[in-house]
Amino acid sequence: MMAKDTATATETISADDLRQQFRSLAGEADETAGDLRNKVLVVGTVTLVLVLIVIFLLGRSRGRKATTVLEIVRV
């Protein structure tokens, strides 16, 4: 939107016009924050699940390496 030259402007801006514009801007900001919050929650959940899977797999492979196999042979 282009700024109007004050010398040629015949239209005045009322307080209601300003309030309406501020409300619309605040509404857009709230919607954007809500969308971002949802995306961060999803990314955080996926990251947590992946970290837990990696920890499980690393612990499992370490457990296999440390396990002793005992063979009993009858004579």
PDB file of N, CA and C in Angstrom:
ATOM      1  N   MET A   1       0.847  -1.151   0.000  1.00  0.00           N
ATOM      2  CA  MET A   1       0.000   0.000   0.000  1.00  0.00           C
ATOM      3  C   MET A   1       0.905   1.230   0.000  1.00  0.00           C
ATOM      4  N   MET A   2       0.603   2.185  -0.820  1.00  0.00           N
ATOM      5  CA  MET A   2       1.394   3.407  -0.953  1.00  0.00           C
ATOM      6  C   MET A   2       0.932   4.412   0.100  1.00  0.00           C
ATOM      7  N   ALA A   3       1.862   5.157   0.630  1.00  0.00           N
ATOM      8  CA  ALA A   3       1.534   6.205   1.593  1.00  0.00           C
ATOM      9  C   ALA A   3       0.934   7.394   0.839  1.00  0.00           C
ATOM     10  N   LYS A   4      -0.106   7.952   1.407  1.00  0.00           N
ATOM     11  CA  LYS A   4      -0.758   9.097   0.774  1.00  0.00           C
ATOM     12  C   LYS A   4      -0.030  10.374   1.162  1.00  0.00           C
ATOM     13  N   ASP A   5       0.018  11.300   0.243  1.00  0.00           N
ATOM     14  CA  ASP A   5       0.610  12.609   0.516  1.00  0.00           C
ATOM     15  C   ASP A   5      -0.358  13.361   1.418  1.00  0.00           C
ATOM     16  N   THR A   6       0.133  13.917   2.508  1.00  0.00           N
ATOM     17  CA  THR A   6      -0.754  14.574   3.466  1.00  0.00           C
ATOM     18  C   THR A   6      -1.395  15.834   2.915  1.00  0.00           C
ATOM     19  N   ALA A   7      -0.773  16.457   1.945  1.00  0.00           N
ATOM     20  CA  ALA A   7      -1.333  17.686   1.378  1.00  0.00           C
ATOM     21  C   ALA A   7      -2.547  17.366   0.513  1.00  0.00           C
ATOM     22  N   THR A   8      -2.572  16.219  -0.137  1.00  0.00           N
ATOM     23  CA  THR A   8      -3.682  15.891  -1.032  1.00  0.00           C
ATOM     24  C   THR A   8      -4.701  14.957  -0.387  1.00  0.00           C
ATOM     25  N   ALA A   9      -4.456  14.510   0.828  1.00  0.00           N
ATOM     26  CA  ALA A   9      -5.381  13.571   1.475  1.00  0.00           C
ATOM     27  C   ALA A   9      -6.623  14.313   1.947  1.00  0.00           C
ATOM     28  N   THR A  10      -7.777  13.842   1.501  1.00  0.00           N
ATOM     29  CA  THR A  10      -9.033  14.450   1.932  1.00  0.00           C
ATOM     30  C   THR A  10      -9.753  13.544   2.903  1.00  0.00           C
ATOM     31  N   GLU A  11      -9.286  12.333   3.049  1.00  0.00           N
ATOM     32  CA  GLU A  11      -9.935  11.346   3.901  1.00  0.00           C
ATOM     33  C   GLU A  11      -9.254  11.351   5.274  1.00  0.00           C
ATOM     34  N   THR A  12     -10.037  11.413   6.329  1.00  0.00           N
ATOM     35  CA  THR A  12      -9.460  11.381   7.669  1.00  0.00           C
ATOM     36  C   THR A  12      -9.564   9.971   8.230  1.00  0.00           C
ATOM     37  N   ILE A  13      -8.656   9.642   9.089  1.00  0.00           N
ATOM     38  CA  ILE A  13      -8.648   8.318   9.710  1.00  0.00           C
ATOM     39  C   ILE A  13      -9.222   8.468  11.109  1.00  0.00           C
ATOM     40  N   SER A  14     -10.247   7.701  11.378  1.00  0.00           N
ATOM     41  CA  SER A  14     -10.893   7.783  12.689  1.00  0.00           C
ATOM     42  C   SER A  14     -10.269   6.773  13.646  1.00  0.00           C
ATOM     43  N   ALA A  15     -10.600   6.925  14.897  1.00  0.00           N
ATOM     44  CA  ALA A  15     -10.103   6.005  15.922  1.00  0.00           C
ATOM     45  C   ALA A  15     -10.650   4.595  15.683  1.00  0.00           C
ATOM     46  N   ASP A  16     -11.888   4.518  15.187  1.00  0.00           N
ATOM     47  CA  ASP A  16     -12.475   3.204  14.897  1.00  0.00           C
ATOM     48  C   ASP A  16     -11.727   2.494  13.775  1.00  0.00           C
ATOM     49  N   ASP A  17     -11.291   3.250  12.780  1.00  0.00           N
ATOM     50  CA  ASP A  17     -10.502   2.657  11.697  1.00  0.00           C
ATOM     51  C   ASP A  17      -9.205   2.055  12.239  1.00  0.00           C
ATOM     52  N   LEU A  18      -8.554   2.790  13.120  1.00  0.00           N
ATOM     53  CA  LEU A  18      -7.307   2.300  13.721  1.00  0.00           C
ATOM     54  C   LEU A  18      -7.552   1.062  14.568  1.00  0.00           C
ATOM     55  N   ARG A  19      -8.616   1.082  15.367  1.00  0.00           N
ATOM     56  CA  ARG A  19      -8.926  -0.077  16.216  1.00  0.00           C
ATOM     57  C   ARG A  19      -9.201  -1.315  15.367  1.00  0.00           C
ATOM     58  N   GLN A  20      -9.962  -1.133  14.296  1.00  0.00           N
ATOM     59  CA  GLN A  20     -10.286  -2.256  13.420  1.00  0.00           C
ATOM     60  C   GLN A  20      -9.016  -2.832  12.784  1.00  0.00           C
ATOM     61  N   GLN A  21      -8.119  -1.984  12.341  1.00  0.00           N
ATOM     62  CA  GLN A  21      -6.874  -2.447  11.725  1.00  0.00           C
ATOM     63  C   GLN A  21      -5.995  -3.173  12.754  1.00  0.00           C
ATOM     64  N   PHE A  22      -5.918  -2.643  13.967  1.00  0.00           N
ATOM     65  CA  PHE A  22      -5.123  -3.292  15.010  1.00  0.00           C
ATOM     66  C   PHE A  22      -5.703  -4.661  15.373  1.00  0.00           C
ATOM     67  N   ARG A  23      -7.030  -4.764  15.415  1.00  0.00           N
ATOM     68  CA  ARG A  23      -7.665  -6.055  15.711  1.00  0.00           C
ATOM     69  C   ARG A  23      -7.359  -7.083  14.629  1.00  0.00           C
ATOM     70  N   SER A  24      -7.400  -6.664  13.379  1.00  0.00           N
ATOM     71  CA  SER A  24      -7.122  -7.607  12.298  1.00  0.00           C
ATOM     72  C   SER A  24      -5.667  -8.058  12.332  1.00  0.00           C
ATOM     73  N   LEU A  25      -4.758  -7.149  12.655  1.00  0.00           N
ATOM     74  CA  LEU A  25      -3.345  -7.523  12.771  1.00  0.00           C
ATOM     75  C   LEU A  25      -3.120  -8.473  13.943  1.00  0.00           C
ATOM     76  N   ALA A  26      -3.773  -8.212  15.064  1.00  0.00           N
ATOM     77  CA  ALA A  26      -3.636  -9.078  16.232  1.00  0.00           C
ATOM     78  C   ALA A  26      -4.209 -10.461  15.943  1.00  0.00           C
ATOM     79  N   GLY A  27      -5.305 -10.528  15.217  1.00  0.00           N
ATOM     80  CA  GLY A  27      -5.900 -11.813  14.856  1.00  0.00           C
ATOM     81  C   GLY A  27      -4.978 -12.635  13.975  1.00  0.00           C
ATOM     82  N   GLU A  28      -4.325 -11.983  13.013  1.00  0.00           N
ATOM     83  CA  GLU A  28      -3.386 -12.688  12.147  1.00  0.00           C
ATOM     84  C   GLU A  28      -2.199 -13.211  12.947  1.00  0.00           C
ATOM     85  N   ALA A  29      -1.728 -12.428  13.898  1.00  0.00           N
ATOM     86  CA  ALA A  29      -0.586 -12.847  14.723  1.00  0.00           C
ATOM     87  C   ALA A  29      -0.965 -14.048  15.580  1.00  0.00           C
ATOM     88  N   ASP A  30      -2.181 -14.058  16.128  1.00  0.00           N
ATOM     89  CA  ASP A  30      -2.627 -15.186  16.949  1.00  0.00           C
ATOM     90  C   ASP A  30      -2.735 -16.458  16.121  1.00  0.00           C
ATOM     91  N   GLU A  31      -3.251 -16.350  14.895  1.00  0.00           N
ATOM     92  CA  GLU A  31      -3.371 -17.518  14.020  1.00  0.00           C
ATOM     93  C   GLU A  31      -1.996 -18.072  13.660  1.00  0.00           C
ATOM     94  N   THR A  32      -1.048 -17.186  13.356  1.00  0.00           N
ATOM     95  CA  THR A  32       0.298 -17.607  13.000  1.00  0.00           C
ATOM     96  C   THR A  32       0.975 -18.288  14.183  1.00  0.00           C
ATOM     97  N   ALA A  33       0.804 -17.747  15.381  1.00  0.00           N
ATOM     98  CA  ALA A  33       1.409 -18.342  16.572  1.00  0.00           C
ATOM     99  C   ALA A  33       0.812 -19.718  16.847  1.00  0.00           C
ATOM    100  N   GLY A  34      -0.483 -19.873  16.649  1.00  0.00           N
ATOM    101  CA  GLY A  34      -1.139 -21.171  16.864  1.00  0.00           C
ATOM    102  C   GLY A  34      -0.645 -22.213  15.883  1.00  0.00           C
ATOM    103  N   ASP A  35      -0.500 -21.833  14.618  1.00  0.00           N
ATOM    104  CA  ASP A  35       0.000 -22.769  13.612  1.00  0.00           C
ATOM    105  C   ASP A  35       1.431 -23.190  13.925  1.00  0.00           C
ATOM    106  N   LEU A  36       2.250 -22.233  14.326  1.00  0.00           N
ATOM    107  CA  LEU A  36       3.649 -22.520  14.643  1.00  0.00           C
ATOM    108  C   LEU A  36       3.742 -23.434  15.860  1.00  0.00           C
ATOM    109  N   ARG A  37       2.900 -23.201  16.844  1.00  0.00           N
ATOM    110  CA  ARG A  37       2.904 -24.023  18.057  1.00  0.00           C
ATOM    111  C   ARG A  37       2.578 -25.475  17.712  1.00  0.00           C
ATOM    112  N   ASN A  38       1.618 -25.694  16.828  1.00  0.00           N
ATOM    113  CA  ASN A  38       1.258 -27.054  16.433  1.00  0.00           C
ATOM    114  C   ASN A  38       2.411 -27.735  15.705  1.00  0.00           C
ATOM    115  N   LYS A  39       3.079 -27.008  14.821  1.00  0.00           N
ATOM    116  CA  LYS A  39       4.195 -27.589  14.073  1.00  0.00           C
ATOM    117  C   LYS A  39       5.345 -27.954  15.001  1.00  0.00           C
ATOM    118  N   VAL A  40       5.640 -27.083  15.965  1.00  0.00           N
ATOM    119  CA  VAL A  40       6.722 -27.355  16.916  1.00  0.00           C
ATOM    120  C   VAL A  40       6.385 -28.578  17.761  1.00  0.00           C
ATOM    121  N   LEU A  41       5.141 -28.727  18.154  1.00  0.00           N
ATOM    122  CA  LEU A  41       4.717 -29.876  18.944  1.00  0.00           C
ATOM    123  C   LEU A  41       4.893 -31.175  18.162  1.00  0.00           C
ATOM    124  N   VAL A  42       4.518 -31.179  16.897  1.00  0.00           N
ATOM    125  CA  VAL A  42       4.665 -32.375  16.072  1.00  0.00           C
ATOM    126  C   VAL A  42       6.137 -32.716  15.874  1.00  0.00           C
ATOM    127  N   VAL A  43       6.956 -31.722  15.549  1.00  0.00           N
ATOM    128  CA  VAL A  43       8.390 -31.962  15.331  1.00  0.00           C
ATOM    129  C   VAL A  43       9.039 -32.455  16.624  1.00  0.00           C
ATOM    130  N   GLY A  44       8.687 -31.891  17.753  1.00  0.00           N
ATOM    131  CA  GLY A  44       9.237 -32.317  19.037  1.00  0.00           C
ATOM    132  C   GLY A  44       8.863 -33.751  19.372  1.00  0.00           C
ATOM    133  N   THR A  45       7.624 -34.124  19.107  1.00  0.00           N
ATOM    134  CA  THR A  45       7.177 -35.487  19.375  1.00  0.00           C
ATOM    135  C   THR A  45       7.911 -36.486  18.503  1.00  0.00           C
ATOM    136  N   VAL A  46       8.034 -36.185  17.219  1.00  0.00           N
ATOM    137  CA  VAL A  46       8.743 -37.081  16.302  1.00  0.00           C
ATOM    138  C   VAL A  46      10.206 -37.217  16.711  1.00  0.00           C
ATOM    139  N   THR A  47      10.835 -36.119  17.083  1.00  0.00           N
ATOM    140  CA  THR A  47      12.233 -36.153  17.517  1.00  0.00           C
ATOM    141  C   THR A  47      12.393 -37.005  18.778  1.00  0.00           C
ATOM    142  N   LEU A  48      11.504 -36.862  19.726  1.00  0.00           N
ATOM    143  CA  LEU A  48      11.562 -37.641  20.957  1.00  0.00           C
ATOM    144  C   LEU A  48      11.425 -39.130  20.665  1.00  0.00           C
ATOM    145  N   VAL A  49      10.490 -39.501  19.804  1.00  0.00           N
ATOM    146  CA  VAL A  49      10.303 -40.912  19.458  1.00  0.00           C
ATOM    147  C   VAL A  49      11.552 -41.467  18.781  1.00  0.00           C
ATOM    148  N   LEU A  50      12.138 -40.704  17.868  1.00  0.00           N
ATOM    149  CA  LEU A  50      13.356 -41.169  17.195  1.00  0.00           C
ATOM    150  C   LEU A  50      14.513 -41.349  18.175  1.00  0.00           C
ATOM    151  N   VAL A  51      14.667 -40.421  19.115  1.00  0.00           N
ATOM    152  CA  VAL A  51      15.734 -40.535  20.119  1.00  0.00           C
ATOM    153  C   VAL A  51      15.522 -41.774  20.982  1.00  0.00           C
ATOM    154  N   LEU A  52      14.291 -42.030  21.379  1.00  0.00           N
ATOM    155  CA  LEU A  52      14.006 -43.219  22.183  1.00  0.00           C
ATOM    156  C   LEU A  52      14.294 -44.503  21.420  1.00  0.00           C
ATOM    157  N   ILE A  53      13.984 -44.545  20.136  1.00  0.00           N
ATOM    158  CA  ILE A  53      14.265 -45.730  19.321  1.00  0.00           C
ATOM    159  C   ILE A  53      15.771 -45.944  19.211  1.00  0.00           C
ATOM    160  N   VAL A  54      16.536 -44.891  18.986  1.00  0.00           N
ATOM    161  CA  VAL A  54      17.995 -45.014  18.887  1.00  0.00           C
ATOM    162  C   VAL A  54      18.583 -45.504  20.208  1.00  0.00           C
ATOM    163  N   ILE A  55      18.116 -44.953  21.327  1.00  0.00           N
ATOM    164  CA  ILE A  55      18.611 -45.388  22.637  1.00  0.00           C
ATOM    165  C   ILE A  55      18.285 -46.859  22.865  1.00  0.00           C
ATOM    166  N   PHE A  56      17.097 -47.286  22.503  1.00  0.00           N
ATOM    167  CA  PHE A  56      16.701 -48.686  22.658  1.00  0.00           C
ATOM    168  C   PHE A  56      17.600 -49.598  21.839  1.00  0.00           C
ATOM    169  N   LEU A  57      17.839 -49.228  20.584  1.00  0.00           N
ATOM    170  CA  LEU A  57      18.662 -50.074  19.721  1.00  0.00           C
ATOM    171  C   LEU A  57      20.113 -50.123  20.192  1.00  0.00           C
ATOM    172  N   LEU A  58      20.658 -49.007  20.644  1.00  0.00           N
ATOM    173  CA  LEU A  58      22.028 -49.008  21.161  1.00  0.00           C
ATOM    174  C   LEU A  58      22.140 -49.857  22.427  1.00  0.00           C
ATOM    175  N   GLY A  59      21.182 -49.762  23.299  1.00  0.00           N
ATOM    176  CA  GLY A  59      21.180 -50.571  24.521  1.00  0.00           C
ATOM    177  C   GLY A  59      21.026 -52.042  24.225  1.00  0.00           C
ATOM    178  N   ARG A  60      20.247 -52.351  23.237  1.00  0.00           N
ATOM    179  CA  ARG A  60      20.023 -53.749  22.852  1.00  0.00           C
ATOM    180  C   ARG A  60      21.309 -54.359  22.299  1.00  0.00           C
ATOM    181  N   SER A  61      22.020 -53.630  21.428  1.00  0.00           N
ATOM    182  CA  SER A  61      23.249 -54.179  20.860  1.00  0.00           C
ATOM    183  C   SER A  61      24.329 -54.294  21.927  1.00  0.00           C
ATOM    184  N   ARG A  62      24.370 -53.365  22.869  1.00  0.00           N
ATOM    185  CA  ARG A  62      25.355 -53.455  23.948  1.00  0.00           C
ATOM    186  C   ARG A  62      25.036 -54.646  24.847  1.00  0.00           C
ATOM    187  N   GLY A  63      23.770 -54.902  25.076  1.00  0.00           N
ATOM    188  CA  GLY A  63      23.366 -56.047  25.886  1.00  0.00           C
ATOM    189  C   GLY A  63      23.751 -57.366  25.239  1.00  0.00           C
ATOM    190  N   ARG A  64      23.667 -57.431  23.934  1.00  0.00           N
ATOM    191  CA  ARG A  64      24.060 -58.649  23.234  1.00  0.00           C
ATOM    192  C   ARG A  64      25.556 -58.886  23.335  1.00  0.00           C
ATOM    193  N   LYS A  65      26.359 -57.839  23.279  1.00  0.00           N
ATOM    194  CA  LYS A  65      27.815 -57.975  23.355  1.00  0.00           C
ATOM    195  C   LYS A  65      28.252 -58.402  24.755  1.00  0.00           C
ATOM    196  N   ALA A  66      27.553 -57.949  25.775  1.00  0.00           N
ATOM    197  CA  ALA A  66      27.958 -58.228  27.148  1.00  0.00           C
ATOM    198  C   ALA A  66      27.389 -59.539  27.670  1.00  0.00           C
ATOM    199  N   THR A  67      26.535 -60.196  26.941  1.00  0.00           N
ATOM    200  CA  THR A  67      25.903 -61.425  27.398  1.00  0.00           C
ATOM    201  C   THR A  67      26.884 -62.584  27.284  1.00  0.00           C
ATOM    202  N   THR A  68      26.953 -63.366  28.342  1.00  0.00           N
ATOM    203  CA  THR A  68      27.807 -64.547  28.355  1.00  0.00           C
ATOM    204  C   THR A  68      26.967 -65.757  27.979  1.00  0.00           C
ATOM    205  N   VAL A  69      27.520 -66.589  27.115  1.00  0.00           N
ATOM    206  CA  VAL A  69      26.824 -67.807  26.717  1.00  0.00           C
ATOM    207  C   VAL A  69      27.443 -68.954  27.510  1.00  0.00           C
ATOM    208  N   LEU A  70      26.638 -69.706  28.190  1.00  0.00           N
ATOM    209  CA  LEU A  70      27.098 -70.822  29.013  1.00  0.00           C
ATOM    210  C   LEU A  70      26.594 -72.116  28.408  1.00  0.00           C
ATOM    211  N   GLU A  71      27.513 -72.964  28.041  1.00  0.00           N
ATOM    212  CA  GLU A  71      27.151 -74.271  27.477  1.00  0.00           C
ATOM    213  C   GLU A  71      27.381 -75.340  28.527  1.00  0.00           C
ATOM    214  N   ILE A  72      26.392 -76.168  28.716  1.00  0.00           N
ATOM    215  CA  ILE A  72      26.524 -77.275  29.645  1.00  0.00           C
ATOM    216  C   ILE A  72      26.548 -78.561  28.810  1.00  0.00           C
ATOM    217  N   VAL A  73      27.621 -79.331  29.001  1.00  0.00           N
ATOM    218  CA  VAL A  73      27.773 -80.562  28.249  1.00  0.00           C
ATOM    219  C   VAL A  73      27.791 -81.722  29.249  1.00  0.00           C
ATOM    220  N   ARG A  74      26.935 -82.705  29.023  1.00  0.00           N
ATOM    221  CA  ARG A  74      26.905 -83.877  29.897  1.00  0.00           C
ATOM    222  C   ARG A  74      27.901 -84.901  29.382  1.00  0.00           C
ATOM    223  N   VAL A  75      28.613 -85.458  30.264  1.00  0.00           N
ATOM    224  CA  VAL A  75      29.595 -86.466  29.886  1.00  0.00           C
ATOM    225  C   VAL A  75      29.139 -87.847  30.270  1.00  0.00           C
TER     226      VAL A  75
END
